[in-house]
Amino acid sequence: MQPIQLFALASRQAEWLSIRQEVVASNIANANTPEYRSREVTPFSAVLDETVPRLARTHPAHLAASAYGDDVEVREADLNEEIGVLESGNSVALADELSKAGEIGRQHQLNTALVTSFHRMMLMTVKR
């Protein structure tokens, strides 16, 4: 019998959404910081392509993980053509960042609803 991968996939997406929300919140918080460049994370599809089985860490110095996870890259976002770089040198477009925050919330709700439904189906199957 093959293990059910939906829960692992949903957990991985929830982790990615958490990292993305952290980056978006940081962009919003630094909207008035001079010379701050907005950042973005790699798309989830790229994260899935790079996901490999995780190795267990037996010592804190082994396999040191980045702050954002092993396969989630945080990079400088592409320049928004509408606002460009502001006079202060900042490149954060608040409207875009707020739109991303709403999208993240909707994706998280969908993720949670799918996991809840799948869990309910599994419990119904076990009952019978």
C-alpha atoms as a PDB file:
ATOM      1  CA  MET A   1       0.000   0.000   0.000  1.00  0.00           C
ATOM      2  CA  GLN A   2       1.372   3.417  -0.993  1.00  0.00           C
ATOM      3  CA  PRO A   3       1.515   6.127   1.675  1.00  0.00           C
ATOM      4  CA  ILE A   4      -0.838   9.061   1.200  1.00  0.00           C
ATOM      5  CA  GLN A   5       1.197  12.053   0.079  1.00  0.00           C
ATOM      6  CA  LEU A   6      -1.568  14.668   0.253  1.00  0.00           C
ATOM      7  CA  PHE A   7      -0.841  15.567   3.861  1.00  0.00           C
ATOM      8  CA  ALA A   8       2.886  15.956   3.171  1.00  0.00           C
ATOM      9  CA  LEU A   9       2.154  18.095   0.113  1.00  0.00           C
ATOM     10  CA  ALA A  10      -0.313  20.276   2.033  1.00  0.00           C
ATOM     11  CA  SER A  11       2.199  20.666   4.858  1.00  0.00           C
ATOM     12  CA  ARG A  12       4.899  21.693   2.394  1.00  0.00           C
ATOM     13  CA  GLN A  13       2.601  24.259   0.784  1.00  0.00           C
ATOM     14  CA  ALA A  14       1.602  25.645   4.197  1.00  0.00           C
ATOM     15  CA  GLU A  15       5.301  26.043   5.030  1.00  0.00           C
ATOM     16  CA  TRP A  16       5.895  27.824   1.706  1.00  0.00           C
ATOM     17  CA  LEU A  17       2.881  30.094   2.272  1.00  0.00           C
ATOM     18  CA  SER A  18       4.220  30.977   5.711  1.00  0.00           C
ATOM     19  CA  ILE A  19       7.601  31.946   4.243  1.00  0.00           C
ATOM     20  CA  ARG A  20       5.933  33.939   1.473  1.00  0.00           C
ATOM     21  CA  GLN A  21       3.720  35.766   3.988  1.00  0.00           C
ATOM     22  CA  GLU A  22       6.810  36.627   6.046  1.00  0.00           C
ATOM     23  CA  VAL A  23       8.534  38.106   2.976  1.00  0.00           C
ATOM     24  CA  VAL A  24       5.431  40.081   1.928  1.00  0.00           C
ATOM     25  CA  ALA A  25       5.000  41.415   5.478  1.00  0.00           C
ATOM     26  CA  SER A  26       8.645  42.469   5.479  1.00  0.00           C
ATOM     27  CA  ASN A  27       8.138  44.286   2.169  1.00  0.00           C
ATOM     28  CA  ILE A  28       5.101  46.124   3.551  1.00  0.00           C
ATOM     29  CA  ALA A  29       6.892  47.005   6.787  1.00  0.00           C
ATOM     30  CA  ASN A  30       9.807  48.474   4.815  1.00  0.00           C
ATOM     31  CA  ALA A  31       7.689  50.390   2.292  1.00  0.00           C
ATOM     32  CA  ASN A  32       9.119  53.707   3.542  1.00  0.00           C
ATOM     33  CA  THR A  33      12.682  52.529   4.153  1.00  0.00           C
ATOM     34  CA  PRO A  34      15.138  54.277   1.814  1.00  0.00           C
ATOM     35  CA  GLU A  35      17.047  52.014  -0.587  1.00  0.00           C
ATOM     36  CA  TYR A  36      14.944  48.945   0.384  1.00  0.00           C
ATOM     37  CA  ARG A  37      14.337  46.563  -2.514  1.00  0.00           C
ATOM     38  CA  SER A  38      11.220  44.400  -2.406  1.00  0.00           C
ATOM     39  CA  ARG A  39      11.771  40.646  -2.220  1.00  0.00           C
ATOM     40  CA  GLU A  40       9.889  37.590  -3.462  1.00  0.00           C
ATOM     41  CA  VAL A  41      10.138  33.829  -2.938  1.00  0.00           C
ATOM     42  CA  THR A  42      10.435  31.140  -5.580  1.00  0.00           C
ATOM     43  CA  PRO A  43       7.084  29.886  -6.929  1.00  0.00           C
ATOM     44  CA  PHE A  44       5.669  26.797  -5.236  1.00  0.00           C
ATOM     45  CA  SER A  45       5.942  24.777  -8.454  1.00  0.00           C
ATOM     46  CA  ALA A  46       9.717  25.346  -8.447  1.00  0.00           C
ATOM     47  CA  VAL A  47       9.872  24.314  -4.792  1.00  0.00           C
ATOM     48  CA  LEU A  48       8.075  21.053  -5.628  1.00  0.00           C
ATOM     49  CA  ASP A  49      10.498  20.340  -8.462  1.00  0.00           C
ATOM     50  CA  GLU A  50      13.450  20.737  -6.090  1.00  0.00           C
ATOM     51  CA  THR A  51      11.981  18.861  -3.121  1.00  0.00           C
ATOM     52  CA  VAL A  52      14.061  15.854  -2.205  1.00  0.00           C
ATOM     53  CA  PRO A  53      13.673  13.499   0.736  1.00  0.00           C
ATOM     54  CA  ARG A  54      14.787  15.297   3.877  1.00  0.00           C
ATOM     55  CA  LEU A  55      17.675  13.944   5.889  1.00  0.00           C
ATOM     56  CA  ALA A  56      17.518  13.789   9.674  1.00  0.00           C
ATOM     57  CA  ARG A  57      19.778  16.190  11.551  1.00  0.00           C
ATOM     58  CA  THR A  58      21.568  14.448  14.392  1.00  0.00           C
ATOM     59  CA  HIS A  59      23.651  17.467  15.361  1.00  0.00           C
ATOM     60  CA  PRO A  60      22.813  21.191  15.064  1.00  0.00           C
ATOM     61  CA  ALA A  61      25.946  21.863  12.991  1.00  0.00           C
ATOM     62  CA  HIS A  62      25.053  19.219  10.406  1.00  0.00           C
ATOM     63  CA  LEU A  63      23.077  20.171   7.306  1.00  0.00           C
ATOM     64  CA  ALA A  64      22.609  23.775   8.381  1.00  0.00           C
ATOM     65  CA  ALA A  65      19.328  25.004   6.947  1.00  0.00           C
ATOM     66  CA  SER A  66      18.685  28.493   5.685  1.00  0.00           C
ATOM     67  CA  ALA A  67      16.274  30.758   7.542  1.00  0.00           C
ATOM     68  CA  TYR A  68      13.636  30.234   4.849  1.00  0.00           C
ATOM     69  CA  GLY A  69      14.017  26.506   4.253  1.00  0.00           C
ATOM     70  CA  ASP A  70      16.314  24.414   2.132  1.00  0.00           C
ATOM     71  CA  ASP A  71      14.614  24.855  -1.223  1.00  0.00           C
ATOM     72  CA  VAL A  72      12.792  28.183  -0.932  1.00  0.00           C
ATOM     73  CA  GLU A  73      14.858  30.993  -2.366  1.00  0.00           C
ATOM     74  CA  VAL A  74      14.174  34.576  -1.345  1.00  0.00           C
ATOM     75  CA  ARG A  75      15.455  36.983  -3.962  1.00  0.00           C
ATOM     76  CA  GLU A  76      15.041  40.600  -4.976  1.00  0.00           C
ATOM     77  CA  ALA A  77      11.727  41.007  -6.779  1.00  0.00           C
ATOM     78  CA  ASP A  78      11.545  42.148 -10.375  1.00  0.00           C
ATOM     79  CA  LEU A  79      11.118  45.878 -10.713  1.00  0.00           C
ATOM     80  CA  ASN A  80       7.487  47.001 -10.920  1.00  0.00           C
ATOM     81  CA  GLU A  81       7.181  48.918 -14.202  1.00  0.00           C
ATOM     82  CA  GLU A  82       4.379  51.147 -12.876  1.00  0.00           C
ATOM     83  CA  ILE A  83       6.259  52.609  -9.931  1.00  0.00           C
ATOM     84  CA  GLY A  84       9.862  51.822 -10.804  1.00  0.00           C
ATOM     85  CA  VAL A  85      12.288  52.926  -8.121  1.00  0.00           C
ATOM     86  CA  LEU A  86      10.972  55.694  -5.906  1.00  0.00           C
ATOM     87  CA  GLU A  87      12.931  58.836  -5.091  1.00  0.00           C
ATOM     88  CA  SER A  88      14.111  57.237  -1.858  1.00  0.00           C
ATOM     89  CA  GLY A  89      15.492  54.265  -3.787  1.00  0.00           C
ATOM     90  CA  ASN A  90      12.692  52.004  -2.541  1.00  0.00           C
ATOM     91  CA  SER A  91      10.999  49.573  -4.959  1.00  0.00           C
ATOM     92  CA  VAL A  92       8.003  48.373  -2.888  1.00  0.00           C
ATOM     93  CA  ALA A  93       4.588  48.700  -4.559  1.00  0.00           C
ATOM     94  CA  LEU A  94       2.107  48.587  -1.661  1.00  0.00           C
ATOM     95  CA  ALA A  95      -0.841  47.691  -3.891  1.00  0.00           C
ATOM     96  CA  ASP A  96       1.038  44.655  -5.238  1.00  0.00           C
ATOM     97  CA  GLU A  97       2.131  43.564  -1.776  1.00  0.00           C
ATOM     98  CA  LEU A  98      -1.401  43.839  -0.380  1.00  0.00           C
ATOM     99  CA  SER A  99      -2.683  41.862  -3.358  1.00  0.00           C
ATOM    100  CA  LYS A 100      -0.092  39.153  -2.635  1.00  0.00           C
ATOM    101  CA  ALA A 101      -1.162  39.077   1.028  1.00  0.00           C
ATOM    102  CA  GLY A 102      -4.786  38.487  -0.025  1.00  0.00           C
ATOM    103  CA  GLU A 103      -3.716  35.761  -2.447  1.00  0.00           C
ATOM    104  CA  ILE A 104      -1.703  34.042   0.280  1.00  0.00           C
ATOM    105  CA  GLY A 105      -4.732  34.113   2.581  1.00  0.00           C
ATOM    106  CA  ARG A 106      -6.959  32.551  -0.086  1.00  0.00           C
ATOM    107  CA  GLN A 107      -4.381  29.843  -0.848  1.00  0.00           C
ATOM    108  CA  HIS A 108      -4.062  29.041   2.846  1.00  0.00           C
ATOM    109  CA  GLN A 109      -7.864  28.749   3.193  1.00  0.00           C
ATOM    110  CA  LEU A 110      -7.999  26.425   0.177  1.00  0.00           C
ATOM    111  CA  ASN A 111      -5.141  24.327   1.566  1.00  0.00           C
ATOM    112  CA  THR A 112      -6.886  24.006   4.926  1.00  0.00           C
ATOM    113  CA  ALA A 113     -10.261  23.165   3.338  1.00  0.00           C
ATOM    114  CA  LEU A 114      -8.711  20.422   1.176  1.00  0.00           C
ATOM    115  CA  VAL A 115      -6.891  18.843   4.094  1.00  0.00           C
ATOM    116  CA  THR A 116     -10.035  18.987   6.242  1.00  0.00           C
ATOM    117  CA  SER A 117     -12.138  17.357   3.508  1.00  0.00           C
ATOM    118  CA  PHE A 118      -9.561  14.666   2.852  1.00  0.00           C
ATOM    119  CA  HIS A 119      -9.258  13.956   6.578  1.00  0.00           C
ATOM    120  CA  ARG A 120     -13.048  13.677   6.869  1.00  0.00           C
ATOM    121  CA  MET A 121     -13.114  11.228   3.915  1.00  0.00           C
ATOM    122  CA  MET A 122     -10.433   9.104   5.532  1.00  0.00           C
ATOM    123  CA  LEU A 123     -12.343   8.997   8.824  1.00  0.00           C
ATOM    124  CA  MET A 124     -15.537   7.971   7.028  1.00  0.00           C
ATOM    125  CA  THR A 125     -13.661   5.160   5.315  1.00  0.00           C
ATOM    126  CA  VAL A 126     -12.192   3.914   8.592  1.00  0.00           C
ATOM    127  CA  LYS A 127     -15.617   3.976  10.296  1.00  0.00           C
ATOM    128  CA  ARG A 128     -17.086   1.483   7.864  1.00  0.00           C
END
